Amino acid sequence: MGDNGGRARRPDPLNLEFRPMPRIALFAVLVFVLTTAAAVLSFVHGSFLGVVWLLMAGASSNMAYFYWRKARMEREAAAQAH
């Protein structure tokens, strides 16, 4: 944000700087949280329907990781291209 005074920016060796997640990854994380809560509530109420919720939670967490990783790899490729 703004001019950095012409200084070259050093790469962050730990990759700790903030980068927003892609929107689809955020939605997948939201689905993961909601399905996990639904699974817990189902098991608390004695329903084995929680197994279905757990499977959905697993799929959504994998989607979130995939899209987050894909966006990170695209950013790195774009940085190397310049």
N, C-alpha and C. Protein backbone atom coordinates (compact mmCIF):
# COMPACT_ATOMS: atom_id res chain seq x y z
N MET A 1 0.83 -1.16 0.00
CA MET A 1 0.00 0.00 0.00
C MET A 1 0.88 1.23 0.00
N GLY A 2 0.98 1.84 -1.12
CA GLY A 2 1.74 3.06 -1.20
C GLY A 2 3.17 2.82 -1.65
N ASP A 3 3.92 3.88 -1.71
CA ASP A 3 5.29 3.83 -2.16
C ASP A 3 6.19 3.34 -1.03
N ASN A 4 7.08 2.42 -1.35
CA ASN A 4 7.99 1.92 -0.33
C ASN A 4 9.35 2.59 -0.41
N GLY A 5 9.45 3.70 -1.12
CA GLY A 5 10.69 4.45 -1.18
C GLY A 5 11.71 3.87 -2.13
N GLY A 6 11.29 3.03 -3.03
CA GLY A 6 12.19 2.48 -4.02
C GLY A 6 13.04 1.33 -3.50
N ARG A 7 12.82 0.91 -2.28
CA ARG A 7 13.59 -0.20 -1.74
C ARG A 7 13.04 -1.51 -2.27
N ALA A 8 13.95 -2.43 -2.56
CA ALA A 8 13.51 -3.76 -2.99
C ALA A 8 12.94 -4.50 -1.80
N ARG A 9 11.91 -5.24 -2.04
CA ARG A 9 11.26 -5.96 -0.97
C ARG A 9 11.89 -7.33 -0.81
N ARG A 10 12.29 -7.65 0.40
CA ARG A 10 12.88 -8.96 0.64
C ARG A 10 11.79 -10.01 0.75
N PRO A 11 12.03 -11.19 0.21
CA PRO A 11 11.04 -12.25 0.38
C PRO A 11 10.96 -12.69 1.83
N ASP A 12 9.77 -12.98 2.27
CA ASP A 12 9.55 -13.43 3.64
C ASP A 12 9.89 -14.91 3.73
N PRO A 13 10.95 -15.31 4.45
CA PRO A 13 11.34 -16.72 4.46
C PRO A 13 10.32 -17.63 5.11
N LEU A 14 9.52 -17.11 6.03
CA LEU A 14 8.50 -17.93 6.69
C LEU A 14 7.13 -17.80 6.03
N ASN A 15 7.04 -16.93 5.03
CA ASN A 15 5.79 -16.73 4.30
C ASN A 15 4.65 -16.34 5.25
N LEU A 16 4.91 -15.34 6.12
CA LEU A 16 3.94 -14.94 7.14
C LEU A 16 3.09 -13.74 6.77
N GLU A 17 3.37 -13.09 5.65
CA GLU A 17 2.58 -11.90 5.36
C GLU A 17 1.16 -12.27 4.95
N PHE A 18 0.23 -11.38 5.28
CA PHE A 18 -1.19 -11.65 5.08
C PHE A 18 -1.55 -11.61 3.60
N ARG A 19 -2.22 -12.64 3.16
CA ARG A 19 -2.78 -12.69 1.81
C ARG A 19 -4.20 -13.23 1.94
N PRO A 20 -5.17 -12.54 1.36
CA PRO A 20 -6.55 -13.01 1.51
C PRO A 20 -6.77 -14.35 0.80
N MET A 21 -7.61 -15.17 1.40
CA MET A 21 -7.95 -16.45 0.79
C MET A 21 -8.91 -16.20 -0.36
N PRO A 22 -8.89 -17.09 -1.36
CA PRO A 22 -9.91 -16.96 -2.41
C PRO A 22 -11.30 -17.17 -1.82
N ARG A 23 -12.26 -16.55 -2.43
CA ARG A 23 -13.62 -16.58 -1.89
C ARG A 23 -14.18 -17.99 -1.77
N ILE A 24 -13.91 -18.85 -2.75
CA ILE A 24 -14.46 -20.21 -2.69
C ILE A 24 -13.85 -20.99 -1.53
N ALA A 25 -12.59 -20.71 -1.20
CA ALA A 25 -11.97 -21.37 -0.05
C ALA A 25 -12.63 -20.91 1.24
N LEU A 26 -12.97 -19.63 1.32
CA LEU A 26 -13.66 -19.14 2.51
C LEU A 26 -15.03 -19.77 2.67
N PHE A 27 -15.75 -19.93 1.56
CA PHE A 27 -17.05 -20.59 1.63
C PHE A 27 -16.90 -22.05 2.06
N ALA A 28 -15.84 -22.72 1.58
CA ALA A 28 -15.61 -24.10 1.96
C ALA A 28 -15.28 -24.21 3.45
N VAL A 29 -14.54 -23.25 3.98
CA VAL A 29 -14.25 -23.24 5.41
C VAL A 29 -15.54 -23.03 6.20
N LEU A 30 -16.39 -22.14 5.72
CA LEU A 30 -17.67 -21.91 6.39
C LEU A 30 -18.52 -23.18 6.39
N VAL A 31 -18.57 -23.87 5.27
CA VAL A 31 -19.32 -25.13 5.19
C VAL A 31 -18.72 -26.15 6.15
N PHE A 32 -17.39 -26.19 6.22
CA PHE A 32 -16.72 -27.12 7.14
C PHE A 32 -17.14 -26.86 8.58
N VAL A 33 -17.13 -25.61 8.99
CA VAL A 33 -17.50 -25.27 10.36
C VAL A 33 -18.96 -25.65 10.64
N LEU A 34 -19.84 -25.33 9.70
CA LEU A 34 -21.26 -25.63 9.91
C LEU A 34 -21.54 -27.13 9.93
N THR A 35 -20.90 -27.88 9.03
CA THR A 35 -21.13 -29.32 9.01
C THR A 35 -20.53 -30.00 10.23
N THR A 36 -19.43 -29.47 10.73
CA THR A 36 -18.84 -30.03 11.96
C THR A 36 -19.78 -29.80 13.14
N ALA A 37 -20.35 -28.61 13.21
CA ALA A 37 -21.31 -28.33 14.28
C ALA A 37 -22.55 -29.22 14.14
N ALA A 38 -23.00 -29.42 12.92
CA ALA A 38 -24.17 -30.29 12.71
C ALA A 38 -23.86 -31.72 13.10
N ALA A 39 -22.64 -32.18 12.82
CA ALA A 39 -22.26 -33.55 13.19
C ALA A 39 -22.23 -33.71 14.71
N VAL A 40 -21.68 -32.73 15.38
CA VAL A 40 -21.62 -32.79 16.85
C VAL A 40 -23.03 -32.82 17.42
N LEU A 41 -23.89 -31.94 16.93
CA LEU A 41 -25.27 -31.92 17.43
C LEU A 41 -26.00 -33.22 17.13
N SER A 42 -25.77 -33.79 15.97
CA SER A 42 -26.42 -35.06 15.63
C SER A 42 -25.99 -36.16 16.57
N PHE A 43 -24.70 -36.24 16.84
CA PHE A 43 -24.22 -37.28 17.74
C PHE A 43 -24.68 -37.05 19.17
N VAL A 44 -24.75 -35.80 19.59
CA VAL A 44 -25.24 -35.49 20.94
C VAL A 44 -26.69 -35.93 21.10
N HIS A 45 -27.47 -35.77 20.04
CA HIS A 45 -28.88 -36.17 20.09
C HIS A 45 -29.08 -37.64 19.78
N GLY A 46 -28.01 -38.38 19.60
CA GLY A 46 -28.10 -39.82 19.42
C GLY A 46 -28.40 -40.27 18.00
N SER A 47 -28.23 -39.40 17.03
CA SER A 47 -28.51 -39.76 15.64
C SER A 47 -27.21 -40.11 14.93
N PHE A 48 -27.26 -41.18 14.16
CA PHE A 48 -26.09 -41.56 13.38
C PHE A 48 -26.03 -40.80 12.05
N LEU A 49 -26.94 -39.88 11.85
CA LEU A 49 -26.87 -39.01 10.68
C LEU A 49 -25.63 -38.13 10.73
N GLY A 50 -25.02 -38.02 11.89
CA GLY A 50 -23.79 -37.27 12.05
C GLY A 50 -22.66 -37.80 11.19
N VAL A 51 -22.71 -39.07 10.83
CA VAL A 51 -21.70 -39.65 9.95
C VAL A 51 -21.73 -38.95 8.59
N VAL A 52 -22.91 -38.67 8.09
CA VAL A 52 -23.05 -37.97 6.81
C VAL A 52 -22.47 -36.56 6.93
N TRP A 53 -22.77 -35.90 8.06
CA TRP A 53 -22.23 -34.57 8.28
C TRP A 53 -20.71 -34.60 8.35
N LEU A 54 -20.14 -35.64 8.97
CA LEU A 54 -18.69 -35.75 9.04
C LEU A 54 -18.08 -35.93 7.65
N LEU A 55 -18.73 -36.73 6.82
CA LEU A 55 -18.23 -36.91 5.45
C LEU A 55 -18.26 -35.59 4.68
N MET A 56 -19.33 -34.83 4.87
CA MET A 56 -19.41 -33.52 4.21
C MET A 56 -18.34 -32.57 4.75
N ALA A 57 -18.08 -32.64 6.05
CA ALA A 57 -17.04 -31.79 6.64
C ALA A 57 -15.68 -32.14 6.05
N GLY A 58 -15.41 -33.41 5.89
CA GLY A 58 -14.14 -33.83 5.30
C GLY A 58 -13.99 -33.34 3.87
N ALA A 59 -15.03 -33.47 3.09
CA ALA A 59 -14.98 -33.01 1.69
C ALA A 59 -14.78 -31.50 1.61
N SER A 60 -15.48 -30.76 2.45
CA SER A 60 -15.35 -29.29 2.40
C SER A 60 -13.99 -28.83 2.90
N SER A 61 -13.41 -29.51 3.88
CA SER A 61 -12.07 -29.12 4.33
C SER A 61 -11.04 -29.40 3.24
N ASN A 62 -11.21 -30.49 2.51
CA ASN A 62 -10.31 -30.78 1.40
C ASN A 62 -10.45 -29.73 0.30
N MET A 63 -11.67 -29.30 0.04
CA MET A 63 -11.89 -28.26 -0.97
C MET A 63 -11.23 -26.95 -0.56
N ALA A 64 -11.38 -26.59 0.72
CA ALA A 64 -10.77 -25.35 1.20
C ALA A 64 -9.26 -25.40 1.04
N TYR A 65 -8.66 -26.52 1.42
CA TYR A 65 -7.20 -26.65 1.29
C TYR A 65 -6.78 -26.60 -0.17
N PHE A 66 -7.51 -27.27 -1.04
CA PHE A 66 -7.17 -27.30 -2.46
C PHE A 66 -7.19 -25.90 -3.06
N TYR A 67 -8.26 -25.16 -2.83
CA TYR A 67 -8.37 -23.83 -3.43
C TYR A 67 -7.41 -22.83 -2.81
N TRP A 68 -7.12 -22.96 -1.51
CA TRP A 68 -6.14 -22.10 -0.87
C TRP A 68 -4.75 -22.37 -1.46
N ARG A 69 -4.42 -23.65 -1.62
CA ARG A 69 -3.12 -24.03 -2.18
C ARG A 69 -3.00 -23.61 -3.64
N LYS A 70 -4.08 -23.77 -4.39
CA LYS A 70 -4.07 -23.37 -5.80
C LYS A 70 -3.82 -21.87 -5.94
N ALA A 71 -4.47 -21.06 -5.12
CA ALA A 71 -4.28 -19.61 -5.17
C ALA A 71 -2.85 -19.24 -4.78
N ARG A 72 -2.30 -19.92 -3.79
CA ARG A 72 -0.93 -19.65 -3.38
C ARG A 72 0.06 -19.98 -4.49
N MET A 73 -0.15 -21.11 -5.17
CA MET A 73 0.74 -21.50 -6.26
C MET A 73 0.62 -20.53 -7.44
N GLU A 74 -0.58 -20.04 -7.72
CA GLU A 74 -0.75 -19.06 -8.79
C GLU A 74 -0.05 -17.74 -8.47
N ARG A 75 -0.13 -17.30 -7.19
CA ARG A 75 0.58 -16.08 -6.78
C ARG A 75 2.08 -16.25 -6.92
N GLU A 76 2.60 -17.40 -6.52
CA GLU A 76 4.04 -17.64 -6.62
C GLU A 76 4.49 -17.69 -8.07
N ALA A 77 3.69 -18.30 -8.93
CA ALA A 77 4.03 -18.36 -10.36
C ALA A 77 4.00 -16.97 -10.97
N ALA A 78 3.04 -16.15 -10.57
CA ALA A 78 2.97 -14.78 -11.10
C ALA A 78 4.14 -13.94 -10.60
N ALA A 79 4.57 -14.18 -9.37
CA ALA A 79 5.72 -13.44 -8.83
C ALA A 79 7.01 -13.82 -9.54
N GLN A 80 7.14 -15.08 -9.89
CA GLN A 80 8.34 -15.54 -10.57
C GLN A 80 8.36 -15.08 -12.03
N ALA A 81 7.18 -14.87 -12.60
CA ALA A 81 7.11 -14.44 -14.00
C ALA A 81 7.57 -12.99 -14.15
N HIS A 82 7.49 -12.22 -13.09
CA HIS A 82 7.89 -10.79 -13.18
C HIS A 82 9.28 -10.61 -12.79
